[in-house]
Amino acid sequence: MTDTEMTLIEATFLAIAVVLLAGYVWFQVRTLRLWRGTFLGLALAPLVVWAVWLTRLLRETAVDPTSHNMFPFEIAFIATSSLAFLIVVAGIRRFMKVLPPK
């Protein structure tokens, strides 16, 4: 086996990461288009996380190019946690719509 061949485990992880990232991007765009008010503000929170991470990535790799050699895992982690956050907020939003007004 050569260094350029991808193992089944690597291919599986890559497929899962791509699906999670695509799902997150779709859900993020959907929330930004449909939500208003406080929930729109909450939908922007993951974008702030991405901006902070990207700023750190660029700054730290400028100093030491090997500092983020696991950045694909960082992307997968941020996408997964951002998607989970948006799902929880969507659940709260849906629950609040069901409650009768006071």
N, C-alpha and C. Protein backbone atom coordinates (compact mmCIF):
# COMPACT_ATOMS: atom_id res chain seq x y z
N MET A 1 0.84 -1.17 0.00
CA MET A 1 0.00 0.00 0.00
C MET A 1 0.89 1.24 0.00
N THR A 2 0.56 2.18 -0.86
CA THR A 2 1.36 3.40 -0.94
C THR A 2 0.79 4.47 -0.01
N ASP A 3 1.55 5.54 0.14
CA ASP A 3 1.12 6.62 1.01
C ASP A 3 -0.09 7.37 0.46
N THR A 4 -0.31 7.30 -0.84
CA THR A 4 -1.40 8.07 -1.44
C THR A 4 -2.73 7.32 -1.44
N GLU A 5 -2.73 6.04 -1.15
CA GLU A 5 -3.97 5.28 -1.13
C GLU A 5 -4.74 5.57 0.16
N MET A 6 -6.05 5.65 0.03
CA MET A 6 -6.90 5.94 1.17
C MET A 6 -7.47 4.63 1.71
N THR A 7 -7.36 4.45 3.01
CA THR A 7 -7.92 3.25 3.61
C THR A 7 -9.43 3.38 3.73
N LEU A 8 -10.08 2.29 4.02
CA LEU A 8 -11.53 2.30 4.17
C LEU A 8 -11.96 3.18 5.34
N ILE A 9 -11.21 3.14 6.42
CA ILE A 9 -11.54 3.97 7.59
C ILE A 9 -11.41 5.45 7.25
N GLU A 10 -10.35 5.81 6.53
CA GLU A 10 -10.18 7.21 6.15
C GLU A 10 -11.29 7.66 5.21
N ALA A 11 -11.65 6.81 4.26
CA ALA A 11 -12.72 7.14 3.32
C ALA A 11 -14.06 7.28 4.04
N THR A 12 -14.31 6.41 5.02
CA THR A 12 -15.55 6.49 5.78
C THR A 12 -15.61 7.78 6.58
N PHE A 13 -14.51 8.11 7.25
CA PHE A 13 -14.48 9.35 8.02
C PHE A 13 -14.67 10.56 7.12
N LEU A 14 -14.03 10.54 5.96
CA LEU A 14 -14.18 11.65 5.02
C LEU A 14 -15.62 11.78 4.55
N ALA A 15 -16.27 10.67 4.26
CA ALA A 15 -17.67 10.70 3.82
C ALA A 15 -18.58 11.25 4.93
N ILE A 16 -18.38 10.80 6.15
CA ILE A 16 -19.17 11.29 7.27
C ILE A 16 -18.95 12.78 7.48
N ALA A 17 -17.70 13.21 7.40
CA ALA A 17 -17.38 14.63 7.59
C ALA A 17 -18.02 15.48 6.50
N VAL A 18 -18.00 15.01 5.27
CA VAL A 18 -18.59 15.77 4.17
C VAL A 18 -20.11 15.86 4.34
N VAL A 19 -20.75 14.76 4.73
CA VAL A 19 -22.20 14.77 4.93
C VAL A 19 -22.57 15.70 6.09
N LEU A 20 -21.83 15.63 7.20
CA LEU A 20 -22.10 16.52 8.33
C LEU A 20 -21.89 17.99 7.96
N LEU A 21 -20.82 18.27 7.25
CA LEU A 21 -20.55 19.65 6.85
C LEU A 21 -21.62 20.16 5.89
N ALA A 22 -22.02 19.33 4.94
CA ALA A 22 -23.07 19.73 4.00
C ALA A 22 -24.40 19.94 4.72
N GLY A 23 -24.73 19.05 5.65
CA GLY A 23 -25.95 19.20 6.43
C GLY A 23 -25.92 20.46 7.27
N TYR A 24 -24.79 20.73 7.87
CA TYR A 24 -24.67 21.95 8.68
C TYR A 24 -24.85 23.19 7.81
N VAL A 25 -24.16 23.24 6.66
CA VAL A 25 -24.25 24.41 5.79
C VAL A 25 -25.70 24.62 5.33
N TRP A 26 -26.37 23.53 4.94
CA TRP A 26 -27.77 23.63 4.50
C TRP A 26 -28.64 24.19 5.63
N PHE A 27 -28.48 23.64 6.84
CA PHE A 27 -29.31 24.06 7.96
C PHE A 27 -28.99 25.49 8.38
N GLN A 28 -27.71 25.87 8.32
CA GLN A 28 -27.31 27.23 8.67
C GLN A 28 -27.93 28.22 7.70
N VAL A 29 -27.86 27.96 6.42
CA VAL A 29 -28.45 28.86 5.43
C VAL A 29 -29.96 28.93 5.62
N ARG A 30 -30.58 27.80 5.87
CA ARG A 30 -32.03 27.76 6.07
C ARG A 30 -32.45 28.60 7.28
N THR A 31 -31.72 28.47 8.37
CA THR A 31 -32.08 29.24 9.56
C THR A 31 -31.87 30.74 9.34
N LEU A 32 -30.83 31.11 8.63
CA LEU A 32 -30.59 32.53 8.38
C LEU A 32 -31.67 33.13 7.48
N ARG A 33 -32.21 32.33 6.60
CA ARG A 33 -33.26 32.82 5.69
C ARG A 33 -34.63 32.90 6.35
N LEU A 34 -34.92 31.97 7.27
CA LEU A 34 -36.28 31.85 7.79
C LEU A 34 -36.49 32.43 9.18
N TRP A 35 -35.47 32.49 10.00
CA TRP A 35 -35.65 32.93 11.37
C TRP A 35 -35.52 34.44 11.48
N ARG A 36 -36.23 35.01 12.45
CA ARG A 36 -36.20 36.45 12.71
C ARG A 36 -36.04 36.68 14.21
N GLY A 37 -35.65 37.89 14.56
CA GLY A 37 -35.58 38.28 15.96
C GLY A 37 -34.46 37.59 16.73
N THR A 38 -34.79 37.18 17.94
CA THR A 38 -33.82 36.55 18.82
C THR A 38 -33.25 35.28 18.21
N PHE A 39 -34.10 34.53 17.53
CA PHE A 39 -33.63 33.28 16.96
C PHE A 39 -32.65 33.50 15.80
N LEU A 40 -32.81 34.60 15.09
CA LEU A 40 -31.82 34.93 14.07
C LEU A 40 -30.47 35.23 14.73
N GLY A 41 -30.51 35.94 15.84
CA GLY A 41 -29.28 36.20 16.58
C GLY A 41 -28.61 34.92 17.05
N LEU A 42 -29.43 33.98 17.53
CA LEU A 42 -28.87 32.69 17.94
C LEU A 42 -28.34 31.91 16.74
N ALA A 43 -28.97 32.05 15.59
CA ALA A 43 -28.50 31.36 14.39
C ALA A 43 -27.16 31.91 13.92
N LEU A 44 -26.85 33.14 14.29
CA LEU A 44 -25.57 33.73 13.91
C LEU A 44 -24.42 33.27 14.81
N ALA A 45 -24.72 32.71 15.97
CA ALA A 45 -23.69 32.30 16.92
C ALA A 45 -22.68 31.32 16.31
N PRO A 46 -23.10 30.28 15.58
CA PRO A 46 -22.09 29.39 14.99
C PRO A 46 -21.17 30.10 14.00
N LEU A 47 -21.68 31.12 13.33
CA LEU A 47 -20.82 31.85 12.39
C LEU A 47 -19.73 32.62 13.13
N VAL A 48 -20.04 33.08 14.33
CA VAL A 48 -19.03 33.74 15.15
C VAL A 48 -17.94 32.73 15.54
N VAL A 49 -18.36 31.52 15.89
CA VAL A 49 -17.40 30.46 16.22
C VAL A 49 -16.49 30.18 15.03
N TRP A 50 -17.09 30.08 13.84
CA TRP A 50 -16.28 29.84 12.64
C TRP A 50 -15.30 30.99 12.40
N ALA A 51 -15.73 32.23 12.60
CA ALA A 51 -14.86 33.38 12.38
C ALA A 51 -13.68 33.38 13.35
N VAL A 52 -13.96 33.07 14.61
CA VAL A 52 -12.89 33.01 15.62
C VAL A 52 -11.91 31.89 15.27
N TRP A 53 -12.45 30.73 14.89
CA TRP A 53 -11.58 29.60 14.54
C TRP A 53 -10.72 29.94 13.33
N LEU A 54 -11.31 30.53 12.30
CA LEU A 54 -10.55 30.87 11.10
C LEU A 54 -9.47 31.90 11.39
N THR A 55 -9.79 32.88 12.23
CA THR A 55 -8.79 33.88 12.62
C THR A 55 -7.62 33.22 13.35
N ARG A 56 -7.94 32.33 14.29
CA ARG A 56 -6.88 31.62 15.02
C ARG A 56 -6.07 30.74 14.08
N LEU A 57 -6.75 30.05 13.16
CA LEU A 57 -6.06 29.18 12.22
C LEU A 57 -5.06 29.96 11.38
N LEU A 58 -5.49 31.06 10.84
CA LEU A 58 -4.60 31.87 9.99
C LEU A 58 -3.45 32.46 10.79
N ARG A 59 -3.75 32.98 11.98
CA ARG A 59 -2.70 33.59 12.80
C ARG A 59 -1.68 32.55 13.28
N GLU A 60 -2.18 31.42 13.76
CA GLU A 60 -1.27 30.42 14.33
C GLU A 60 -0.49 29.67 13.27
N THR A 61 -1.07 29.43 12.09
CA THR A 61 -0.31 28.76 11.04
C THR A 61 0.70 29.70 10.38
N ALA A 62 0.49 31.00 10.51
CA ALA A 62 1.50 31.94 10.02
C ALA A 62 2.75 31.86 10.87
N VAL A 63 2.58 31.61 12.17
CA VAL A 63 3.71 31.50 13.08
C VAL A 63 4.33 30.11 13.00
N ASP A 64 3.49 29.07 13.04
CA ASP A 64 3.97 27.68 13.01
C ASP A 64 3.05 26.88 12.08
N PRO A 65 3.51 26.56 10.87
CA PRO A 65 2.66 25.87 9.89
C PRO A 65 2.17 24.49 10.36
N THR A 66 2.79 23.91 11.35
CA THR A 66 2.36 22.59 11.82
C THR A 66 1.41 22.67 13.01
N SER A 67 1.01 23.87 13.42
CA SER A 67 0.20 24.00 14.62
C SER A 67 -1.22 23.47 14.45
N HIS A 68 -1.73 23.43 13.25
CA HIS A 68 -3.09 22.94 13.02
C HIS A 68 -3.06 21.81 11.99
N ASN A 69 -2.19 20.85 12.19
CA ASN A 69 -2.10 19.75 11.23
C ASN A 69 -3.30 18.80 11.32
N MET A 70 -4.16 18.97 12.31
CA MET A 70 -5.37 18.16 12.44
C MET A 70 -6.61 18.99 12.14
N PHE A 71 -6.46 20.03 11.31
CA PHE A 71 -7.59 20.93 11.09
C PHE A 71 -8.80 20.27 10.44
N PRO A 72 -8.69 19.19 9.68
CA PRO A 72 -9.93 18.54 9.22
C PRO A 72 -10.79 18.05 10.38
N PHE A 73 -10.15 17.58 11.45
CA PHE A 73 -10.91 17.16 12.63
C PHE A 73 -11.54 18.37 13.32
N GLU A 74 -10.83 19.49 13.32
CA GLU A 74 -11.37 20.71 13.90
C GLU A 74 -12.62 21.15 13.12
N ILE A 75 -12.55 21.08 11.80
CA ILE A 75 -13.70 21.44 10.97
C ILE A 75 -14.87 20.51 11.27
N ALA A 76 -14.61 19.22 11.34
CA ALA A 76 -15.68 18.25 11.62
C ALA A 76 -16.28 18.50 13.00
N PHE A 77 -15.44 18.81 13.98
CA PHE A 77 -15.95 19.07 15.34
C PHE A 77 -16.80 20.33 15.37
N ILE A 78 -16.32 21.40 14.75
CA ILE A 78 -17.08 22.65 14.78
C ILE A 78 -18.39 22.49 14.01
N ALA A 79 -18.35 21.82 12.87
CA ALA A 79 -19.58 21.61 12.09
C ALA A 79 -20.58 20.79 12.88
N THR A 80 -20.11 19.73 13.54
CA THR A 80 -21.01 18.87 14.31
C THR A 80 -21.60 19.62 15.50
N SER A 81 -20.77 20.33 16.24
CA SER A 81 -21.28 21.06 17.40
C SER A 81 -22.19 22.22 16.98
N SER A 82 -21.88 22.87 15.86
CA SER A 82 -22.74 23.95 15.37
C SER A 82 -24.09 23.40 14.92
N LEU A 83 -24.06 22.27 14.24
CA LEU A 83 -25.31 21.64 13.81
C LEU A 83 -26.15 21.23 15.02
N ALA A 84 -25.51 20.66 16.03
CA ALA A 84 -26.24 20.27 17.25
C ALA A 84 -26.84 21.50 17.92
N PHE A 85 -26.09 22.59 17.98
CA PHE A 85 -26.60 23.83 18.58
C PHE A 85 -27.83 24.33 17.83
N LEU A 86 -27.74 24.35 16.49
CA LEU A 86 -28.87 24.83 15.70
C LEU A 86 -30.10 23.93 15.85
N ILE A 87 -29.88 22.63 15.98
CA ILE A 87 -31.00 21.70 16.17
C ILE A 87 -31.68 21.96 17.51
N VAL A 88 -30.88 22.19 18.56
CA VAL A 88 -31.46 22.48 19.87
C VAL A 88 -32.24 23.79 19.82
N VAL A 89 -31.68 24.82 19.19
CA VAL A 89 -32.38 26.10 19.09
C VAL A 89 -33.66 25.94 18.26
N ALA A 90 -33.60 25.15 17.20
CA ALA A 90 -34.80 24.90 16.39
C ALA A 90 -35.87 24.20 17.22
N GLY A 91 -35.46 23.27 18.06
CA GLY A 91 -36.42 22.59 18.93
C GLY A 91 -37.05 23.55 19.92
N ILE A 92 -36.25 24.44 20.50
CA ILE A 92 -36.79 25.44 21.42
C ILE A 92 -37.74 26.37 20.68
N ARG A 93 -37.36 26.77 19.48
CA ARG A 93 -38.21 27.65 18.67
C ARG A 93 -39.55 26.99 18.37
N ARG A 94 -39.51 25.74 17.99
CA ARG A 94 -40.74 25.01 17.69
C ARG A 94 -41.59 24.85 18.94
N PHE A 95 -40.97 24.55 20.08
CA PHE A 95 -41.70 24.39 21.34
C PHE A 95 -42.36 25.70 21.73
N MET A 96 -41.68 26.82 21.54
CA MET A 96 -42.24 28.12 21.90
C MET A 96 -43.42 28.49 21.01
N LYS A 97 -43.42 28.02 19.76
CA LYS A 97 -44.56 28.28 18.87
C LYS A 97 -45.79 27.52 19.31
N VAL A 98 -45.59 26.36 19.95
CA VAL A 98 -46.70 25.51 20.38
C VAL A 98 -47.35 26.05 21.64
N LEU A 99 -46.59 26.71 22.49
CA LEU A 99 -47.14 27.24 23.73
C LEU A 99 -48.22 28.28 23.45
N PRO A 100 -49.29 28.22 24.21
CA PRO A 100 -50.35 29.23 24.02
C PRO A 100 -49.89 30.58 24.55
N PRO A 101 -50.31 31.66 23.92
CA PRO A 101 -49.92 32.99 24.41
C PRO A 101 -50.58 33.28 25.74
N LYS A 102 -49.92 34.11 26.55
CA LYS A 102 -50.45 34.46 27.88
C LYS A 102 -51.46 35.57 27.79
